[in-house]
Amino acid sequence: MPRNQTPRVLGLFSVSVSVGKADEVGDAFYFAESPEGGPPIIAGGSTELRCRASPEDGIAYTWQLDGQPVPNTTRRFQRGSNLIIRRVDPERDAGEFKCTATNMSTGFSLASGPASLRILCESLSFYVPENKGESILPPLFSSRFRVEAVL
């Protein structure tokens, strides 16, 4: 605009600024509760991983274990936004759990940080193969042994 002209009002405008990935005002939500591993769980016991977004309206939740969807079964299932795990198994429940919250009206999704379960086992059996050079075991051990921990 040249310096000698007077500006004219063309209308009233509003400007909205968002930070991060949110494209619309309706996408602005955050995790009020994120999953945490919590205290150790004895294998065979039950636990609950908690997840909650705020605001909660119109938010759907899904869970992943090591990047794969966790299907609802009688052993692992969602109750609201939380994941319930019964009969915790050190082999099937090892890894990183994440909760994903999705705004159902816009499709915007946000994933939580990872949480891992600390699973205590009452006994553990494993096999150490014989080494083709020097033994990796002290002389008093054979190549097969059992390690047990009493809790």
C-alpha atoms as a PDB file:
ATOM      1  CA  MET A   1       0.000   0.000   0.000  1.00  0.00           C
ATOM      2  CA  PRO A   2       1.386   3.435  -0.910  1.00  0.00           C
ATOM      3  CA  ARG A   3       2.237   5.687   2.026  1.00  0.00           C
ATOM      4  CA  ASN A   4      -0.319   8.384   1.274  1.00  0.00           C
ATOM      5  CA  GLN A   5      -3.406   6.093   1.240  1.00  0.00           C
ATOM      6  CA  THR A   6      -5.632   5.515   4.232  1.00  0.00           C
ATOM      7  CA  PRO A   7      -6.228   1.863   5.118  1.00  0.00           C
ATOM      8  CA  ARG A   8      -9.837   0.659   4.801  1.00  0.00           C
ATOM      9  CA  VAL A   9     -11.456  -1.920   7.043  1.00  0.00           C
ATOM     10  CA  LEU A  10     -12.556  -4.806   4.853  1.00  0.00           C
ATOM     11  CA  GLY A  11     -14.056  -6.953   7.623  1.00  0.00           C
ATOM     12  CA  LEU A  12     -13.359  -8.623  10.930  1.00  0.00           C
ATOM     13  CA  PHE A  13     -11.193 -11.708  10.966  1.00  0.00           C
ATOM     14  CA  SER A  14     -10.160 -14.165  13.620  1.00  0.00           C
ATOM     15  CA  VAL A  15      -6.913 -16.065  13.562  1.00  0.00           C
ATOM     16  CA  SER A  16      -6.409 -19.377  15.290  1.00  0.00           C
ATOM     17  CA  VAL A  17      -2.937 -20.756  15.944  1.00  0.00           C
ATOM     18  CA  SER A  18      -2.256 -24.360  16.930  1.00  0.00           C
ATOM     19  CA  VAL A  19       0.991 -25.904  18.104  1.00  0.00           C
ATOM     20  CA  GLY A  20       2.190 -29.392  17.228  1.00  0.00           C
ATOM     21  CA  LYS A  21       0.330 -31.820  14.986  1.00  0.00           C
ATOM     22  CA  ALA A  22      -3.186 -30.550  15.658  1.00  0.00           C
ATOM     23  CA  ASP A  23      -4.742 -29.090  12.526  1.00  0.00           C
ATOM     24  CA  GLU A  24      -8.012 -28.001  14.049  1.00  0.00           C
ATOM     25  CA  VAL A  25      -9.129 -26.675  17.402  1.00  0.00           C
ATOM     26  CA  GLY A  26     -11.120 -29.920  17.912  1.00  0.00           C
ATOM     27  CA  ASP A  27      -7.900 -31.948  17.731  1.00  0.00           C
ATOM     28  CA  ALA A  28      -6.393 -30.374  20.834  1.00  0.00           C
ATOM     29  CA  PHE A  29      -6.249 -33.127  23.426  1.00  0.00           C
ATOM     30  CA  TYR A  30      -3.526 -34.645  25.570  1.00  0.00           C
ATOM     31  CA  PHE A  31      -2.963 -37.711  27.745  1.00  0.00           C
ATOM     32  CA  ALA A  32      -4.214 -37.079  31.262  1.00  0.00           C
ATOM     33  CA  GLU A  33      -3.104 -40.655  32.093  1.00  0.00           C
ATOM     34  CA  SER A  34      -0.468 -42.565  30.149  1.00  0.00           C
ATOM     35  CA  PRO A  35       0.309 -46.256  30.534  1.00  0.00           C
ATOM     36  CA  GLU A  36       3.074 -47.122  32.970  1.00  0.00           C
ATOM     37  CA  GLY A  37       4.599 -50.484  33.779  1.00  0.00           C
ATOM     38  CA  GLY A  38       3.825 -50.029  37.465  1.00  0.00           C
ATOM     39  CA  PRO A  39       4.961 -52.408  40.182  1.00  0.00           C
ATOM     40  CA  PRO A  40       6.207 -55.902  39.316  1.00  0.00           C
ATOM     41  CA  ILE A  41       3.509 -58.481  38.547  1.00  0.00           C
ATOM     42  CA  ILE A  42       3.794 -62.160  39.366  1.00  0.00           C
ATOM     43  CA  ALA A  43       3.327 -64.315  36.267  1.00  0.00           C
ATOM     44  CA  GLY A  44      -0.253 -65.579  36.225  1.00  0.00           C
ATOM     45  CA  GLY A  45      -1.584 -62.472  37.998  1.00  0.00           C
ATOM     46  CA  SER A  46      -3.620 -59.572  36.601  1.00  0.00           C
ATOM     47  CA  THR A  47      -2.833 -55.944  35.844  1.00  0.00           C
ATOM     48  CA  GLU A  48      -4.394 -52.854  34.302  1.00  0.00           C
ATOM     49  CA  LEU A  49      -2.651 -50.377  32.006  1.00  0.00           C
ATOM     50  CA  ARG A  50      -4.367 -47.005  32.282  1.00  0.00           C
ATOM     51  CA  CYS A  51      -4.841 -44.478  29.491  1.00  0.00           C
ATOM     52  CA  ARG A  52      -7.086 -41.403  29.377  1.00  0.00           C
ATOM     53  CA  ALA A  53      -7.152 -38.343  27.141  1.00  0.00           C
ATOM     54  CA  SER A  54      -8.466 -34.945  28.110  1.00  0.00           C
ATOM     55  CA  PRO A  55     -10.930 -33.751  27.039  1.00  0.00           C
ATOM     56  CA  GLU A  56     -12.545 -37.196  26.799  1.00  0.00           C
ATOM     57  CA  ASP A  57     -15.517 -36.424  24.523  1.00  0.00           C
ATOM     58  CA  GLY A  58     -15.406 -38.148  21.135  1.00  0.00           C
ATOM     59  CA  ILE A  59     -12.141 -40.017  21.798  1.00  0.00           C
ATOM     60  CA  ALA A  60     -11.703 -43.702  20.878  1.00  0.00           C
ATOM     61  CA  TYR A  61      -8.831 -45.804  22.236  1.00  0.00           C
ATOM     62  CA  THR A  62      -6.819 -48.686  20.819  1.00  0.00           C
ATOM     63  CA  TRP A  63      -3.851 -50.593  22.228  1.00  0.00           C
ATOM     64  CA  GLN A  64      -0.720 -51.954  20.555  1.00  0.00           C
ATOM     65  CA  LEU A  65       1.970 -54.377  21.714  1.00  0.00           C
ATOM     66  CA  ASP A  66       5.258 -53.903  19.854  1.00  0.00           C
ATOM     67  CA  GLY A  67       3.397 -51.990  17.128  1.00  0.00           C
ATOM     68  CA  GLN A  68       0.739 -54.674  16.571  1.00  0.00           C
ATOM     69  CA  PRO A  69      -2.936 -54.205  17.563  1.00  0.00           C
ATOM     70  CA  VAL A  70      -3.962 -55.944  20.786  1.00  0.00           C
ATOM     71  CA  PRO A  71      -7.183 -57.844  19.993  1.00  0.00           C
ATOM     72  CA  ASN A  72      -9.852 -58.121  22.691  1.00  0.00           C
ATOM     73  CA  THR A  73      -9.820 -61.634  24.160  1.00  0.00           C
ATOM     74  CA  THR A  74     -10.870 -63.092  27.503  1.00  0.00           C
ATOM     75  CA  ARG A  75      -7.247 -62.701  28.672  1.00  0.00           C
ATOM     76  CA  ARG A  76      -6.471 -59.190  27.317  1.00  0.00           C
ATOM     77  CA  PHE A  77      -9.304 -56.723  26.800  1.00  0.00           C
ATOM     78  CA  GLN A  78     -10.231 -53.044  26.993  1.00  0.00           C
ATOM     79  CA  ARG A  79     -12.399 -51.726  29.785  1.00  0.00           C
ATOM     80  CA  GLY A  80     -13.206 -48.187  28.707  1.00  0.00           C
ATOM     81  CA  SER A  81      -9.861 -46.707  27.715  1.00  0.00           C
ATOM     82  CA  ASN A  82      -7.781 -49.041  29.917  1.00  0.00           C
ATOM     83  CA  LEU A  83      -6.242 -52.402  29.008  1.00  0.00           C
ATOM     84  CA  ILE A  84      -6.864 -55.309  31.392  1.00  0.00           C
ATOM     85  CA  ILE A  85      -4.430 -58.230  31.263  1.00  0.00           C
ATOM     86  CA  ARG A  86      -5.308 -61.455  33.093  1.00  0.00           C
ATOM     87  CA  ARG A  87      -3.056 -64.462  33.550  1.00  0.00           C
ATOM     88  CA  VAL A  88       0.020 -62.349  32.756  1.00  0.00           C
ATOM     89  CA  ASP A  89       2.446 -64.420  30.700  1.00  0.00           C
ATOM     90  CA  PRO A  90       6.167 -63.537  30.468  1.00  0.00           C
ATOM     91  CA  GLU A  91       6.347 -64.684  26.836  1.00  0.00           C
ATOM     92  CA  ARG A  92       3.070 -63.299  25.450  1.00  0.00           C
ATOM     93  CA  ASP A  93       3.063 -60.034  27.443  1.00  0.00           C
ATOM     94  CA  ALA A  94       6.713 -59.020  27.028  1.00  0.00           C
ATOM     95  CA  GLY A  95       7.298 -55.909  24.929  1.00  0.00           C
ATOM     96  CA  GLU A  96       6.136 -52.302  24.705  1.00  0.00           C
ATOM     97  CA  PHE A  97       2.464 -51.444  25.102  1.00  0.00           C
ATOM     98  CA  LYS A  98       1.165 -48.148  23.683  1.00  0.00           C
ATOM     99  CA  CYS A  99      -2.254 -46.533  23.829  1.00  0.00           C
ATOM    100  CA  THR A 100      -3.553 -44.559  20.835  1.00  0.00           C
ATOM    101  CA  ALA A 101      -6.293 -41.964  21.333  1.00  0.00           C
ATOM    102  CA  THR A 102      -8.235 -40.924  18.217  1.00  0.00           C
ATOM    103  CA  ASN A 103     -10.606 -37.966  17.835  1.00  0.00           C
ATOM    104  CA  MET A 104     -13.582 -39.646  16.135  1.00  0.00           C
ATOM    105  CA  SER A 105     -14.826 -36.456  14.444  1.00  0.00           C
ATOM    106  CA  THR A 106     -11.494 -35.477  12.834  1.00  0.00           C
ATOM    107  CA  GLY A 107      -9.495 -38.724  12.757  1.00  0.00           C
ATOM    108  CA  PHE A 108      -6.540 -37.080  14.512  1.00  0.00           C
ATOM    109  CA  SER A 109      -4.581 -39.650  16.579  1.00  0.00           C
ATOM    110  CA  LEU A 110      -2.040 -39.356  19.346  1.00  0.00           C
ATOM    111  CA  ALA A 111       0.061 -42.281  20.678  1.00  0.00           C
ATOM    112  CA  SER A 112       1.244 -42.554  24.268  1.00  0.00           C
ATOM    113  CA  GLY A 113       4.774 -43.330  25.291  1.00  0.00           C
ATOM    114  CA  PRO A 114       5.670 -47.009  25.723  1.00  0.00           C
ATOM    115  CA  ALA A 115       5.074 -49.057  28.875  1.00  0.00           C
ATOM    116  CA  SER A 116       6.523 -52.479  29.654  1.00  0.00           C
ATOM    117  CA  LEU A 117       5.355 -54.931  32.277  1.00  0.00           C
ATOM    118  CA  ARG A 118       7.832 -56.133  34.890  1.00  0.00           C
ATOM    119  CA  ILE A 119       6.858 -59.780  35.220  1.00  0.00           C
ATOM    120  CA  LEU A 120       8.229 -61.926  38.044  1.00  0.00           C
ATOM    121  CA  CYS A 121       8.512 -65.661  37.400  1.00  0.00           C
ATOM    122  CA  GLU A 122       8.465 -68.265  40.133  1.00  0.00           C
ATOM    123  CA  SER A 123      10.717 -70.565  38.101  1.00  0.00           C
ATOM    124  CA  LEU A 124      12.627 -70.324  34.882  1.00  0.00           C
ATOM    125  CA  SER A 125      14.178 -73.132  32.843  1.00  0.00           C
ATOM    126  CA  PHE A 126      16.649 -72.614  30.041  1.00  0.00           C
ATOM    127  CA  TYR A 127      19.297 -74.511  28.124  1.00  0.00           C
ATOM    128  CA  VAL A 128      22.824 -73.306  27.443  1.00  0.00           C
ATOM    129  CA  PRO A 129      24.338 -75.133  24.457  1.00  0.00           C
ATOM    130  CA  GLU A 130      27.856 -76.472  24.720  1.00  0.00           C
ATOM    131  CA  ASN A 131      30.435 -74.107  23.338  1.00  0.00           C
ATOM    132  CA  LYS A 132      32.800 -75.457  20.660  1.00  0.00           C
ATOM    133  CA  GLY A 133      35.859 -73.934  22.282  1.00  0.00           C
ATOM    134  CA  GLU A 134      36.271 -72.980  25.867  1.00  0.00           C
ATOM    135  CA  SER A 135      33.352 -73.730  28.128  1.00  0.00           C
ATOM    136  CA  ILE A 136      31.191 -70.743  28.966  1.00  0.00           C
ATOM    137  CA  LEU A 137      30.206 -72.473  32.234  1.00  0.00           C
ATOM    138  CA  PRO A 138      32.290 -72.883  35.379  1.00  0.00           C
ATOM    139  CA  PRO A 139      33.789 -76.390  35.702  1.00  0.00           C
ATOM    140  CA  LEU A 140      31.236 -77.536  38.306  1.00  0.00           C
ATOM    141  CA  PHE A 141      28.247 -76.960  35.989  1.00  0.00           C
ATOM    142  CA  SER A 142      27.033 -79.189  33.209  1.00  0.00           C
ATOM    143  CA  SER A 143      25.611 -77.784  29.992  1.00  0.00           C
ATOM    144  CA  ARG A 144      22.046 -78.334  31.286  1.00  0.00           C
ATOM    145  CA  PHE A 145      20.915 -76.663  34.476  1.00  0.00           C
ATOM    146  CA  ARG A 146      17.857 -75.106  36.078  1.00  0.00           C
ATOM    147  CA  VAL A 147      17.704 -71.720  37.779  1.00  0.00           C
ATOM    148  CA  GLU A 148      14.929 -71.150  40.278  1.00  0.00           C
ATOM    149  CA  ALA A 149      14.015 -68.069  42.255  1.00  0.00           C
ATOM    150  CA  VAL A 150      11.700 -68.269  45.240  1.00  0.00           C
ATOM    151  CA  LEU A 151       9.592 -65.168  45.775  1.00  0.00           C
END
